[in-house]
Amino acid sequence: MGYIYRKPSKSSLTSVETVEGEPIEHKIERIVSNKEPISDGAPEIFTERKEGVKSAYNIRTDRWEIASEAMSKVEGSIQAKRDAKGKISKVDEPKVVQLKVDSVSEAKPTEGTSKAE
């Protein structure tokens, strides 16, 4: 027989606490025998015909405009970041770096550098 090695989990995910619900048959029997009103359920989303369908619950509502506006905002922020990277900061004058000659070095100058001095 072989052994199975399992690495210890490094995940920070935790399990969801589960609760066992009441079977529908028991619930119906309890409501009927105790003559309790039905208190739980989904909210009423239907309206009268003359009022029409609520736009929040209408499956035919065009959500393209909302998505298009959101994407244009995202596109604008990305373009602003690109423009900020492309801009070169203005410098009044270029910097000139003076190199200091180290007198500690024992190297002797060559002919080309001795003439320049």
PDB file of N, CA and C in Angstrom:
ATOM      1  N   MET A   1       0.833  -1.186   0.000  1.00  0.00           N
ATOM      2  CA  MET A   1       0.000   0.000   0.000  1.00  0.00           C
ATOM      3  C   MET A   1       0.875   1.246   0.000  1.00  0.00           C
ATOM      4  N   GLY A   2       0.425   2.233  -0.740  1.00  0.00           N
ATOM      5  CA  GLY A   2       1.165   3.478  -0.792  1.00  0.00           C
ATOM      6  C   GLY A   2       0.595   4.492   0.183  1.00  0.00           C
ATOM      7  N   TYR A   3       1.408   5.423   0.533  1.00  0.00           N
ATOM      8  CA  TYR A   3       0.977   6.473   1.439  1.00  0.00           C
ATOM      9  C   TYR A   3       0.622   7.720   0.637  1.00  0.00           C
ATOM     10  N   ILE A   4      -0.365   8.435   1.094  1.00  0.00           N
ATOM     11  CA  ILE A   4      -0.777   9.677   0.448  1.00  0.00           C
ATOM     12  C   ILE A   4      -0.280  10.830   1.307  1.00  0.00           C
ATOM     13  N   TYR A   5       0.513  11.696   0.672  1.00  0.00           N
ATOM     14  CA  TYR A   5       1.019  12.868   1.385  1.00  0.00           C
ATOM     15  C   TYR A   5       0.190  14.070   0.975  1.00  0.00           C
ATOM     16  N   ARG A   6      -0.325  14.762   1.924  1.00  0.00           N
ATOM     17  CA  ARG A   6      -1.093  15.976   1.653  1.00  0.00           C
ATOM     18  C   ARG A   6      -0.374  17.166   2.258  1.00  0.00           C
ATOM     19  N   LYS A   7      -0.200  18.182   1.436  1.00  0.00           N
ATOM     20  CA  LYS A   7       0.446  19.393   1.921  1.00  0.00           C
ATOM     21  C   LYS A   7      -0.508  20.138   2.844  1.00  0.00           C
ATOM     22  N   PRO A   8       0.027  20.774   3.864  1.00  0.00           N
ATOM     23  CA  PRO A   8      -0.857  21.573   4.726  1.00  0.00           C
ATOM     24  C   PRO A   8      -1.422  22.757   3.942  1.00  0.00           C
ATOM     25  N   SER A   9      -2.657  23.068   4.201  1.00  0.00           N
ATOM     26  CA  SER A   9      -3.329  24.139   3.482  1.00  0.00           C
ATOM     27  C   SER A   9      -2.858  25.497   4.000  1.00  0.00           C
ATOM     28  N   LYS A  10      -2.541  26.389   3.044  1.00  0.00           N
ATOM     29  CA  LYS A  10      -2.118  27.746   3.398  1.00  0.00           C
ATOM     30  C   LYS A  10      -3.238  28.757   3.174  1.00  0.00           C
ATOM     31  N   SER A  11      -4.398  28.254   2.834  1.00  0.00           N
ATOM     32  CA  SER A  11      -5.518  29.124   2.511  1.00  0.00           C
ATOM     33  C   SER A  11      -6.137  29.703   3.776  1.00  0.00           C
ATOM     34  N   SER A  12      -6.635  30.916   3.656  1.00  0.00           N
ATOM     35  CA  SER A  12      -7.313  31.553   4.784  1.00  0.00           C
ATOM     36  C   SER A  12      -8.831  31.412   4.668  1.00  0.00           C
ATOM     37  N   LEU A  13      -9.299  30.633   3.680  1.00  0.00           N
ATOM     38  CA  LEU A  13     -10.732  30.430   3.512  1.00  0.00           C
ATOM     39  C   LEU A  13     -11.254  29.517   4.610  1.00  0.00           C
ATOM     40  N   THR A  14     -12.414  29.852   5.119  1.00  0.00           N
ATOM     41  CA  THR A  14     -13.023  29.025   6.155  1.00  0.00           C
ATOM     42  C   THR A  14     -14.357  28.505   5.651  1.00  0.00           C
ATOM     43  N   SER A  15     -14.804  27.439   6.238  1.00  0.00           N
ATOM     44  CA  SER A  15     -16.047  26.823   5.835  1.00  0.00           C
ATOM     45  C   SER A  15     -17.237  27.660   6.303  1.00  0.00           C
ATOM     46  N   VAL A  16     -18.313  27.589   5.556  1.00  0.00           N
ATOM     47  CA  VAL A  16     -19.542  28.279   5.918  1.00  0.00           C
ATOM     48  C   VAL A  16     -20.316  27.389   6.878  1.00  0.00           C
ATOM     49  N   GLU A  17     -20.856  27.990   7.899  1.00  0.00           N
ATOM     50  CA  GLU A  17     -21.623  27.217   8.873  1.00  0.00           C
ATOM     51  C   GLU A  17     -22.948  26.809   8.230  1.00  0.00           C
ATOM     52  N   THR A  18     -23.199  25.518   8.176  1.00  0.00           N
ATOM     53  CA  THR A  18     -24.411  25.022   7.529  1.00  0.00           C
ATOM     54  C   THR A  18     -25.493  24.754   8.557  1.00  0.00           C
ATOM     55  N   VAL A  19     -26.725  24.970   8.136  1.00  0.00           N
ATOM     56  CA  VAL A  19     -27.884  24.722   8.987  1.00  0.00           C
ATOM     57  C   VAL A  19     -28.865  23.894   8.176  1.00  0.00           C
ATOM     58  N   GLU A  20     -29.347  22.810   8.751  1.00  0.00           N
ATOM     59  CA  GLU A  20     -30.298  21.963   8.043  1.00  0.00           C
ATOM     60  C   GLU A  20     -31.689  22.564   8.183  1.00  0.00           C
ATOM     61  N   GLY A  21     -32.353  22.720   7.050  1.00  0.00           N
ATOM     62  CA  GLY A  21     -33.673  23.334   7.043  1.00  0.00           C
ATOM     63  C   GLY A  21     -34.775  22.333   7.344  1.00  0.00           C
ATOM     64  N   GLU A  22     -35.981  22.852   7.517  1.00  0.00           N
ATOM     65  CA  GLU A  22     -37.153  22.018   7.793  1.00  0.00           C
ATOM     66  C   GLU A  22     -37.732  21.537   6.458  1.00  0.00           C
ATOM     67  N   PRO A  23     -37.994  20.244   6.322  1.00  0.00           N
ATOM     68  CA  PRO A  23     -38.589  19.743   5.073  1.00  0.00           C
ATOM     69  C   PRO A  23     -39.947  20.397   4.824  1.00  0.00           C
ATOM     70  N   ILE A  24     -40.280  20.573   3.539  1.00  0.00           N
ATOM     71  CA  ILE A  24     -41.514  21.271   3.172  1.00  0.00           C
ATOM     72  C   ILE A  24     -42.753  20.533   3.672  1.00  0.00           C
ATOM     73  N   GLU A  25     -42.691  19.209   3.715  1.00  0.00           N
ATOM     74  CA  GLU A  25     -43.849  18.443   4.193  1.00  0.00           C
ATOM     75  C   GLU A  25     -44.131  18.744   5.662  1.00  0.00           C
ATOM     76  N   HIS A  26     -43.077  18.804   6.473  1.00  0.00           N
ATOM     77  CA  HIS A  26     -43.246  19.111   7.903  1.00  0.00           C
ATOM     78  C   HIS A  26     -43.741  20.546   8.092  1.00  0.00           C
ATOM     79  N   LYS A  27     -43.230  21.448   7.270  1.00  0.00           N
ATOM     80  CA  LYS A  27     -43.626  22.850   7.383  1.00  0.00           C
ATOM     81  C   LYS A  27     -45.107  23.026   7.045  1.00  0.00           C
ATOM     82  N   ILE A  28     -45.559  22.399   5.969  1.00  0.00           N
ATOM     83  CA  ILE A  28     -46.976  22.503   5.591  1.00  0.00           C
ATOM     84  C   ILE A  28     -47.863  21.898   6.668  1.00  0.00           C
ATOM     85  N   GLU A  29     -47.453  20.753   7.187  1.00  0.00           N
ATOM     86  CA  GLU A  29     -48.238  20.103   8.241  1.00  0.00           C
ATOM     87  C   GLU A  29     -48.309  20.987   9.490  1.00  0.00           C
ATOM     88  N   ARG A  30     -47.216  21.617   9.852  1.00  0.00           N
ATOM     89  CA  ARG A  30     -47.185  22.495  11.023  1.00  0.00           C
ATOM     90  C   ARG A  30     -48.082  23.706  10.812  1.00  0.00           C
ATOM     91  N   ILE A  31     -48.040  24.303   9.634  1.00  0.00           N
ATOM     92  CA  ILE A  31     -48.853  25.501   9.354  1.00  0.00           C
ATOM     93  C   ILE A  31     -50.341  25.144   9.346  1.00  0.00           C
ATOM     94  N   VAL A  32     -50.677  24.018   8.740  1.00  0.00           N
ATOM     95  CA  VAL A  32     -52.081  23.615   8.651  1.00  0.00           C
ATOM     96  C   VAL A  32     -52.613  23.223  10.025  1.00  0.00           C
ATOM     97  N   SER A  33     -51.846  22.447  10.792  1.00  0.00           N
ATOM     98  CA  SER A  33     -52.349  21.979  12.084  1.00  0.00           C
ATOM     99  C   SER A  33     -52.422  23.105  13.114  1.00  0.00           C
ATOM    100  N   ASN A  34     -51.479  24.037  13.084  1.00  0.00           N
ATOM    101  CA  ASN A  34     -51.483  25.143  14.053  1.00  0.00           C
ATOM    102  C   ASN A  34     -52.251  26.361  13.550  1.00  0.00           C
ATOM    103  N   LYS A  35     -52.689  26.308  12.290  1.00  0.00           N
ATOM    104  CA  LYS A  35     -53.417  27.415  11.657  1.00  0.00           C
ATOM    105  C   LYS A  35     -52.608  28.713  11.728  1.00  0.00           C
ATOM    106  N   GLU A  36     -51.318  28.581  11.437  1.00  0.00           N
ATOM    107  CA  GLU A  36     -50.420  29.751  11.436  1.00  0.00           C
ATOM    108  C   GLU A  36     -50.506  30.454  10.082  1.00  0.00           C
ATOM    109  N   PRO A  37     -50.340  31.766  10.072  1.00  0.00           N
ATOM    110  CA  PRO A  37     -50.267  32.453   8.771  1.00  0.00           C
ATOM    111  C   PRO A  37     -48.899  32.183   8.128  1.00  0.00           C
ATOM    112  N   ILE A  38     -48.872  32.189   6.813  1.00  0.00           N
ATOM    113  CA  ILE A  38     -47.603  31.988   6.102  1.00  0.00           C
ATOM    114  C   ILE A  38     -46.827  33.299   6.171  1.00  0.00           C
ATOM    115  N   SER A  39     -45.729  33.276   6.911  1.00  0.00           N
ATOM    116  CA  SER A  39     -44.997  34.525   7.157  1.00  0.00           C
ATOM    117  C   SER A  39     -43.786  34.701   6.258  1.00  0.00           C
ATOM    118  N   ASP A  40     -43.223  33.612   5.782  1.00  0.00           N
ATOM    119  CA  ASP A  40     -42.025  33.758   4.951  1.00  0.00           C
ATOM    120  C   ASP A  40     -42.385  33.588   3.484  1.00  0.00           C
ATOM    121  N   GLY A  41     -41.537  34.106   2.637  1.00  0.00           N
ATOM    122  CA  GLY A  41     -41.776  34.003   1.198  1.00  0.00           C
ATOM    123  C   GLY A  41     -41.089  35.142   0.469  1.00  0.00           C
ATOM    124  N   ALA A  42     -41.193  35.124  -0.820  1.00  0.00           N
ATOM    125  CA  ALA A  42     -40.569  36.148  -1.655  1.00  0.00           C
ATOM    126  C   ALA A  42     -41.454  37.396  -1.688  1.00  0.00           C
ATOM    127  N   PRO A  43     -40.852  38.573  -1.864  1.00  0.00           N
ATOM    128  CA  PRO A  43     -41.656  39.792  -1.950  1.00  0.00           C
ATOM    129  C   PRO A  43     -42.462  39.819  -3.255  1.00  0.00           C
ATOM    130  N   GLU A  44     -43.560  40.503  -3.226  1.00  0.00           N
ATOM    131  CA  GLU A  44     -44.433  40.616  -4.388  1.00  0.00           C
ATOM    132  C   GLU A  44     -43.794  41.590  -5.381  1.00  0.00           C
ATOM    133  N   ILE A  45     -43.475  41.098  -6.571  1.00  0.00           N
ATOM    134  CA  ILE A  45     -42.834  41.972  -7.559  1.00  0.00           C
ATOM    135  C   ILE A  45     -43.772  42.326  -8.699  1.00  0.00           C
ATOM    136  N   PHE A  46     -44.942  41.732  -8.706  1.00  0.00           N
ATOM    137  CA  PHE A  46     -45.882  42.023  -9.767  1.00  0.00           C
ATOM    138  C   PHE A  46     -46.703  43.252  -9.416  1.00  0.00           C
ATOM    139  N   THR A  47     -47.080  43.999 -10.432  1.00  0.00           N
ATOM    140  CA  THR A  47     -47.905  45.189 -10.229  1.00  0.00           C
ATOM    141  C   THR A  47     -49.173  45.030 -11.074  1.00  0.00           C
ATOM    142  N   GLU A  48     -50.077  45.920 -10.862  1.00  0.00           N
ATOM    143  CA  GLU A  48     -51.297  45.887 -11.669  1.00  0.00           C
ATOM    144  C   GLU A  48     -50.947  46.232 -13.105  1.00  0.00           C
ATOM    145  N   ARG A  49     -51.754  45.748 -14.016  1.00  0.00           N
ATOM    146  CA  ARG A  49     -51.471  45.921 -15.437  1.00  0.00           C
ATOM    147  C   ARG A  49     -51.431  47.401 -15.831  1.00  0.00           C
ATOM    148  N   LYS A  50     -52.282  48.221 -15.241  1.00  0.00           N
ATOM    149  CA  LYS A  50     -52.326  49.634 -15.608  1.00  0.00           C
ATOM    150  C   LYS A  50     -51.058  50.376 -15.162  1.00  0.00           C
ATOM    151  N   GLU A  51     -50.381  49.865 -14.106  1.00  0.00           N
ATOM    152  CA  GLU A  51     -49.147  50.488 -13.635  1.00  0.00           C
ATOM    153  C   GLU A  51     -47.938  50.069 -14.467  1.00  0.00           C
ATOM    154  N   GLY A  52     -48.051  48.946 -15.128  1.00  0.00           N
ATOM    155  CA  GLY A  52     -46.950  48.462 -15.954  1.00  0.00           C
ATOM    156  C   GLY A  52     -45.956  47.661 -15.120  1.00  0.00           C
ATOM    157  N   VAL A  53     -44.850  47.280 -15.755  1.00  0.00           N
ATOM    158  CA  VAL A  53     -43.824  46.462 -15.107  1.00  0.00           C
ATOM    159  C   VAL A  53     -42.782  47.378 -14.490  1.00  0.00           C
ATOM    160  N   LYS A  54     -42.367  47.050 -13.274  1.00  0.00           N
ATOM    161  CA  LYS A  54     -41.301  47.830 -12.633  1.00  0.00           C
ATOM    162  C   LYS A  54     -40.013  47.616 -13.405  1.00  0.00           C
ATOM    163  N   SER A  55     -39.281  48.695 -13.668  1.00  0.00           N
ATOM    164  CA  SER A  55     -38.072  48.585 -14.483  1.00  0.00           C
ATOM    165  C   SER A  55     -36.986  47.764 -13.804  1.00  0.00           C
ATOM    166  N   ALA A  56     -36.991  47.739 -12.483  1.00  0.00           N
ATOM    167  CA  ALA A  56     -35.980  46.957 -11.772  1.00  0.00           C
ATOM    168  C   ALA A  56     -36.183  45.461 -11.981  1.00  0.00           C
ATOM    169  N   TYR A  57     -37.409  45.043 -12.230  1.00  0.00           N
ATOM    170  CA  TYR A  57     -37.712  43.632 -12.396  1.00  0.00           C
ATOM    171  C   TYR A  57     -37.995  43.247 -13.846  1.00  0.00           C
ATOM    172  N   ASN A  58     -37.921  44.188 -14.759  1.00  0.00           N
ATOM    173  CA  ASN A  58     -38.217  43.916 -16.157  1.00  0.00           C
ATOM    174  C   ASN A  58     -37.025  43.241 -16.810  1.00  0.00           C
ATOM    175  N   ILE A  59     -37.225  42.031 -17.303  1.00  0.00           N
ATOM    176  CA  ILE A  59     -36.107  41.309 -17.921  1.00  0.00           C
ATOM    177  C   ILE A  59     -35.768  41.882 -19.286  1.00  0.00           C
ATOM    178  N   ARG A  60     -36.625  42.675 -19.851  1.00  0.00           N
ATOM    179  CA  ARG A  60     -36.378  43.261 -21.160  1.00  0.00           C
ATOM    180  C   ARG A  60     -35.762  44.657 -21.077  1.00  0.00           C
ATOM    181  N   THR A  61     -35.479  45.110 -19.889  1.00  0.00           N
ATOM    182  CA  THR A  61     -34.889  46.440 -19.732  1.00  0.00           C
ATOM    183  C   THR A  61     -33.516  46.457 -20.382  1.00  0.00           C
ATOM    184  N   ASP A  62     -33.249  47.495 -21.134  1.00  0.00           N
ATOM    185  CA  ASP A  62     -31.965  47.612 -21.811  1.00  0.00           C
ATOM    186  C   ASP A  62     -30.928  48.134 -20.830  1.00  0.00           C
ATOM    187  N   ARG A  63     -29.999  47.286 -20.475  1.00  0.00           N
ATOM    188  CA  ARG A  63     -28.948  47.662 -19.532  1.00  0.00           C
ATOM    189  C   ARG A  63     -27.656  48.035 -20.262  1.00  0.00           C
ATOM    190  N   TRP A  64     -27.723  48.093 -21.592  1.00  0.00           N
ATOM    191  CA  TRP A  64     -26.533  48.387 -22.382  1.00  0.00           C
ATOM    192  C   TRP A  64     -26.016  49.795 -22.085  1.00  0.00           C
ATOM    193  N   GLU A  65     -26.918  50.751 -21.921  1.00  0.00           N
ATOM    194  CA  GLU A  65     -26.499  52.131 -21.659  1.00  0.00           C
ATOM    195  C   GLU A  65     -25.752  52.232 -20.335  1.00  0.00           C
ATOM    196  N   ILE A  66     -26.226  51.546 -19.325  1.00  0.00           N
ATOM    197  CA  ILE A  66     -25.568  51.574 -18.012  1.00  0.00           C
ATOM    198  C   ILE A  66     -24.175  50.969 -18.114  1.00  0.00           C
ATOM    199  N   ALA A  67     -24.071  49.829 -18.797  1.00  0.00           N
ATOM    200  CA  ALA A  67     -22.769  49.176 -18.960  1.00  0.00           C
ATOM    201  C   ALA A  67     -21.840  50.028 -19.808  1.00  0.00           C
ATOM    202  N   SER A  68     -22.372  50.679 -20.820  1.00  0.00           N
ATOM    203  CA  SER A  68     -21.557  51.524 -21.699  1.00  0.00           C
ATOM    204  C   SER A  68     -20.991  52.718 -20.933  1.00  0.00           C
ATOM    205  N   GLU A  69     -21.799  53.332 -20.086  1.00  0.00           N
ATOM    206  CA  GLU A  69     -21.320  54.460 -19.281  1.00  0.00           C
ATOM    207  C   GLU A  69     -20.225  54.023 -18.310  1.00  0.00           C
ATOM    208  N   ALA A  70     -20.414  52.868 -17.694  1.00  0.00           N
ATOM    209  CA  ALA A  70     -19.406  52.360 -16.757  1.00  0.00           C
ATOM    210  C   ALA A  70     -18.096  52.067 -17.479  1.00  0.00           C
ATOM    211  N   MET A  71     -18.174  51.477 -18.652  1.00  0.00           N
ATOM    212  CA  MET A  71     -16.951  51.148 -19.396  1.00  0.00           C
ATOM    213  C   MET A  71     -16.263  52.404 -19.917  1.00  0.00           C
ATOM    214  N   SER A  72     -17.013  53.439 -20.247  1.00  0.00           N
ATOM    215  CA  SER A  72     -16.375  54.677 -20.704  1.00  0.00           C
ATOM    216  C   SER A  72     -15.616  55.344 -19.561  1.00  0.00           C
ATOM    217  N   LYS A  73     -16.123  55.219 -18.338  1.00  0.00           N
ATOM    218  CA  LYS A  73     -15.389  55.752 -17.184  1.00  0.00           C
ATOM    219  C   LYS A  73     -14.088  54.983 -16.972  1.00  0.00           C
ATOM    220  N   VAL A  74     -14.147  53.657 -17.107  1.00  0.00           N
ATOM    221  CA  VAL A  74     -12.946  52.835 -16.951  1.00  0.00           C
ATOM    222  C   VAL A  74     -11.945  53.162 -18.045  1.00  0.00           C
ATOM    223  N   GLU A  75     -12.429  53.298 -19.265  1.00  0.00           N
ATOM    224  CA  GLU A  75     -11.559  53.622 -20.396  1.00  0.00           C
ATOM    225  C   GLU A  75     -10.904  54.988 -20.202  1.00  0.00           C
ATOM    226  N   GLY A  76     -11.668  55.940 -19.674  1.00  0.00           N
ATOM    227  CA  GLY A  76     -11.105  57.270 -19.419  1.00  0.00           C
ATOM    228  C   GLY A  76     -10.001  57.244 -18.380  1.00  0.00           C
ATOM    229  N   SER A  77     -10.172  56.451 -17.328  1.00  0.00           N
ATOM    230  CA  SER A  77      -9.134  56.384 -16.303  1.00  0.00           C
ATOM    231  C   SER A  77      -7.878  55.708 -16.837  1.00  0.00           C
ATOM    232  N   ILE A  78      -8.035  54.690 -17.678  1.00  0.00           N
ATOM    233  CA  ILE A  78      -6.875  54.024 -18.274  1.00  0.00           C
ATOM    234  C   ILE A  78      -6.141  54.983 -19.200  1.00  0.00           C
ATOM    235  N   GLN A  79      -6.878  55.742 -19.986  1.00  0.00           N
ATOM    236  CA  GLN A  79      -6.259  56.697 -20.904  1.00  0.00           C
ATOM    237  C   GLN A  79      -5.545  57.802 -20.135  1.00  0.00           C
ATOM    238  N   ALA A  80      -6.093  58.238 -19.022  1.00  0.00           N
ATOM    239  CA  ALA A  80      -5.445  59.264 -18.207  1.00  0.00           C
ATOM    240  C   ALA A  80      -4.119  58.753 -17.650  1.00  0.00           C
ATOM    241  N   LYS A  81      -4.080  57.492 -17.246  1.00  0.00           N
ATOM    242  CA  LYS A  81      -2.829  56.910 -16.757  1.00  0.00           C
ATOM    243  C   LYS A  81      -1.790  56.853 -17.868  1.00  0.00           C
ATOM    244  N   ARG A  82      -2.232  56.485 -19.079  1.00  0.00           N
ATOM    245  CA  ARG A  82      -1.303  56.437 -20.216  1.00  0.00           C
ATOM    246  C   ARG A  82      -0.772  57.818 -20.542  1.00  0.00           C
ATOM    247  N   ASP A  83      -1.637  58.831 -20.516  1.00  0.00           N
ATOM    248  CA  ASP A  83      -1.198  60.185 -20.814  1.00  0.00           C
ATOM    249  C   ASP A  83      -0.209  60.695 -19.774  1.00  0.00           C
ATOM    250  N   ALA A  84      -0.437  60.333 -18.511  1.00  0.00           N
ATOM    251  CA  ALA A  84       0.464  60.776 -17.443  1.00  0.00           C
ATOM    252  C   ALA A  84       1.843  60.153 -17.604  1.00  0.00           C
ATOM    253  N   LYS A  85       1.900  58.906 -18.067  1.00  0.00           N
ATOM    254  CA  LYS A  85       3.194  58.261 -18.278  1.00  0.00           C
ATOM    255  C   LYS A  85       3.920  58.885 -19.461  1.00  0.00           C
ATOM    256  N   GLY A  86       3.172  59.318 -20.477  1.00  0.00           N
ATOM    257  CA  GLY A  86       3.777  59.856 -21.695  1.00  0.00           C
ATOM    258  C   GLY A  86       4.321  61.257 -21.551  1.00  0.00           C
ATOM    259  N   LYS A  87       3.842  62.004 -20.586  1.00  0.00           N
ATOM    260  CA  LYS A  87       4.302  63.386 -20.419  1.00  0.00           C
ATOM    261  C   LYS A  87       5.708  63.403 -19.839  1.00  0.00           C
ATOM    262  N   ILE A  88       6.538  64.264 -20.389  1.00  0.00           N
ATOM    263  CA  ILE A  88       7.900  64.431 -19.876  1.00  0.00           C
ATOM    264  C   ILE A  88       7.901  65.678 -19.005  1.00  0.00           C
ATOM    265  N   SER A  89       8.436  65.509 -17.829  1.00  0.00           N
ATOM    266  CA  SER A  89       8.476  66.663 -16.936  1.00  0.00           C
ATOM    267  C   SER A  89       9.440  67.697 -17.501  1.00  0.00           C
ATOM    268  N   LYS A  90       9.031  68.952 -17.469  1.00  0.00           N
ATOM    269  CA  LYS A  90       9.846  70.033 -18.029  1.00  0.00           C
ATOM    270  C   LYS A  90      10.958  70.394 -17.059  1.00  0.00           C
ATOM    271  N   VAL A  91      12.154  70.436 -17.581  1.00  0.00           N
ATOM    272  CA  VAL A  91      13.319  70.805 -16.795  1.00  0.00           C
ATOM    273  C   VAL A  91      13.846  72.101 -17.389  1.00  0.00           C
ATOM    274  N   ASP A  92      14.144  73.101 -16.531  1.00  0.00           N
ATOM    275  CA  ASP A  92      14.620  74.393 -17.025  1.00  0.00           C
ATOM    276  C   ASP A  92      15.946  74.256 -17.772  1.00  0.00           C
ATOM    277  N   GLU A  93      16.908  73.660 -17.157  1.00  0.00           N
ATOM    278  CA  GLU A  93      18.215  73.493 -17.782  1.00  0.00           C
ATOM    279  C   GLU A  93      18.674  72.058 -17.577  1.00  0.00           C
ATOM    280  N   PRO A  94      19.393  71.542 -18.537  1.00  0.00           N
ATOM    281  CA  PRO A  94      19.923  70.193 -18.324  1.00  0.00           C
ATOM    282  C   PRO A  94      20.983  70.201 -17.237  1.00  0.00           C
ATOM    283  N   LYS A  95      21.039  69.142 -16.499  1.00  0.00           N
ATOM    284  CA  LYS A  95      22.003  69.059 -15.410  1.00  0.00           C
ATOM    285  C   LYS A  95      23.352  68.600 -15.951  1.00  0.00           C
ATOM    286  N   VAL A  96      24.410  69.243 -15.487  1.00  0.00           N
ATOM    287  CA  VAL A  96      25.760  68.861 -15.865  1.00  0.00           C
ATOM    288  C   VAL A  96      26.414  68.290 -14.623  1.00  0.00           C
ATOM    289  N   VAL A  97      26.936  67.103 -14.759  1.00  0.00           N
ATOM    290  CA  VAL A  97      27.560  66.440 -13.625  1.00  0.00           C
ATOM    291  C   VAL A  97      29.062  66.597 -13.749  1.00  0.00           C
ATOM    292  N   GLN A  98      29.695  67.151 -12.724  1.00  0.00           N
ATOM    293  CA  GLN A  98      31.147  67.300 -12.686  1.00  0.00           C
ATOM    294  C   GLN A  98      31.737  66.082 -11.999  1.00  0.00           C
ATOM    295  N   LEU A  99      32.643  65.409 -12.678  1.00  0.00           N
ATOM    296  CA  LEU A  99      33.303  64.265 -12.088  1.00  0.00           C
ATOM    297  C   LEU A  99      34.500  64.741 -11.292  1.00  0.00           C
ATOM    298  N   LYS A 100      34.636  64.244 -10.108  1.00  0.00           N
ATOM    299  CA  LYS A 100      35.763  64.617  -9.263  1.00  0.00           C
ATOM    300  C   LYS A 100      36.903  63.634  -9.511  1.00  0.00           C
ATOM    301  N   VAL A 101      38.100  64.192  -9.621  1.00  0.00           N
ATOM    302  CA  VAL A 101      39.269  63.352  -9.830  1.00  0.00           C
ATOM    303  C   VAL A 101      39.758  62.888  -8.482  1.00  0.00           C
ATOM    304  N   ASP A 102      39.922  61.597  -8.360  1.00  0.00           N
ATOM    305  CA  ASP A 102      40.363  61.016  -7.095  1.00  0.00           C
ATOM    306  C   ASP A 102      41.884  60.986  -7.070  1.00  0.00           C
ATOM    307  N   SER A 103      42.493  61.701  -6.113  1.00  0.00           N
ATOM    308  CA  SER A 103      43.954  61.760  -6.044  1.00  0.00           C
ATOM    309  C   SER A 103      44.533  60.546  -5.328  1.00  0.00           C
ATOM    310  N   VAL A 104      43.696  59.702  -4.777  1.00  0.00           N
ATOM    311  CA  VAL A 104      44.180  58.530  -4.060  1.00  0.00           C
ATOM    312  C   VAL A 104      44.621  57.453  -5.051  1.00  0.00           C
ATOM    313  N   SER A 105      44.038  57.452  -6.225  1.00  0.00           N
ATOM    314  CA  SER A 105      44.349  56.432  -7.210  1.00  0.00           C
ATOM    315  C   SER A 105      45.806  56.553  -7.668  1.00  0.00           C
ATOM    316  N   GLU A 106      46.459  55.424  -7.873  1.00  0.00           N
ATOM    317  CA  GLU A 106      47.846  55.433  -8.306  1.00  0.00           C
ATOM    318  C   GLU A 106      47.965  55.269  -9.810  1.00  0.00           C
ATOM    319  N   ALA A 107      46.861  55.338 -10.536  1.00  0.00           N
ATOM    320  CA  ALA A 107      46.915  55.181 -11.977  1.00  0.00           C
ATOM    321  C   ALA A 107      47.519  56.413 -12.628  1.00  0.00           C
ATOM    322  N   LYS A 108      48.329  56.205 -13.620  1.00  0.00           N
ATOM    323  CA  LYS A 108      48.955  57.305 -14.323  1.00  0.00           C
ATOM    324  C   LYS A 108      48.134  57.659 -15.543  1.00  0.00           C
ATOM    325  N   PRO A 109      48.035  58.940 -15.864  1.00  0.00           N
ATOM    326  CA  PRO A 109      47.240  59.335 -17.030  1.00  0.00           C
ATOM    327  C   PRO A 109      47.934  58.909 -18.334  1.00  0.00           C
ATOM    328  N   THR A 110      47.141  58.662 -19.336  1.00  0.00           N
ATOM    329  CA  THR A 110      47.693  58.328 -20.640  1.00  0.00           C
ATOM    330  C   THR A 110      48.028  59.620 -21.362  1.00  0.00           C
ATOM    331  N   GLU A 111      48.565  59.515 -22.540  1.00  0.00           N
ATOM    332  CA  GLU A 111      48.964  60.711 -23.278  1.00  0.00           C
ATOM    333  C   GLU A 111      47.775  61.588 -23.625  1.00  0.00           C
ATOM    334  N   GLY A 112      46.655  60.972 -23.992  1.00  0.00           N
ATOM    335  CA  GLY A 112      45.477  61.731 -24.372  1.00  0.00           C
ATOM    336  C   GLY A 112      44.891  62.529 -23.226  1.00  0.00           C
ATOM    337  N   THR A 113      44.903  61.971 -22.030  1.00  0.00           N
ATOM    338  CA  THR A 113      44.315  62.693 -20.901  1.00  0.00           C
ATOM    339  C   THR A 113      45.293  63.705 -20.329  1.00  0.00           C
ATOM    340  N   SER A 114      46.578  63.467 -20.445  1.00  0.00           N
ATOM    341  CA  SER A 114      47.527  64.458 -19.921  1.00  0.00           C
ATOM    342  C   SER A 114      47.555  65.697 -20.758  1.00  0.00           C
ATOM    343  N   LYS A 115      47.274  65.626 -22.060  1.00  0.00           N
ATOM    344  CA  LYS A 115      47.250  66.802 -22.937  1.00  0.00           C
ATOM    345  C   LYS A 115      45.996  67.638 -22.678  1.00  0.00           C
ATOM    346  N   ALA A 116      44.914  66.978 -22.304  1.00  0.00           N
ATOM    347  CA  ALA A 116      43.661  67.678 -22.091  1.00  0.00           C
ATOM    348  C   ALA A 116      43.716  68.561 -20.858  1.00  0.00           C
ATOM    349  N   GLU A 117      44.543  68.218 -19.920  1.00  0.00           N
ATOM    350  CA  GLU A 117      44.584  69.003 -18.679  1.00  0.00           C
ATOM    351  C   GLU A 117      45.393  70.187 -18.872  1.00  0.00           C
TER     352      GLU A 117
END
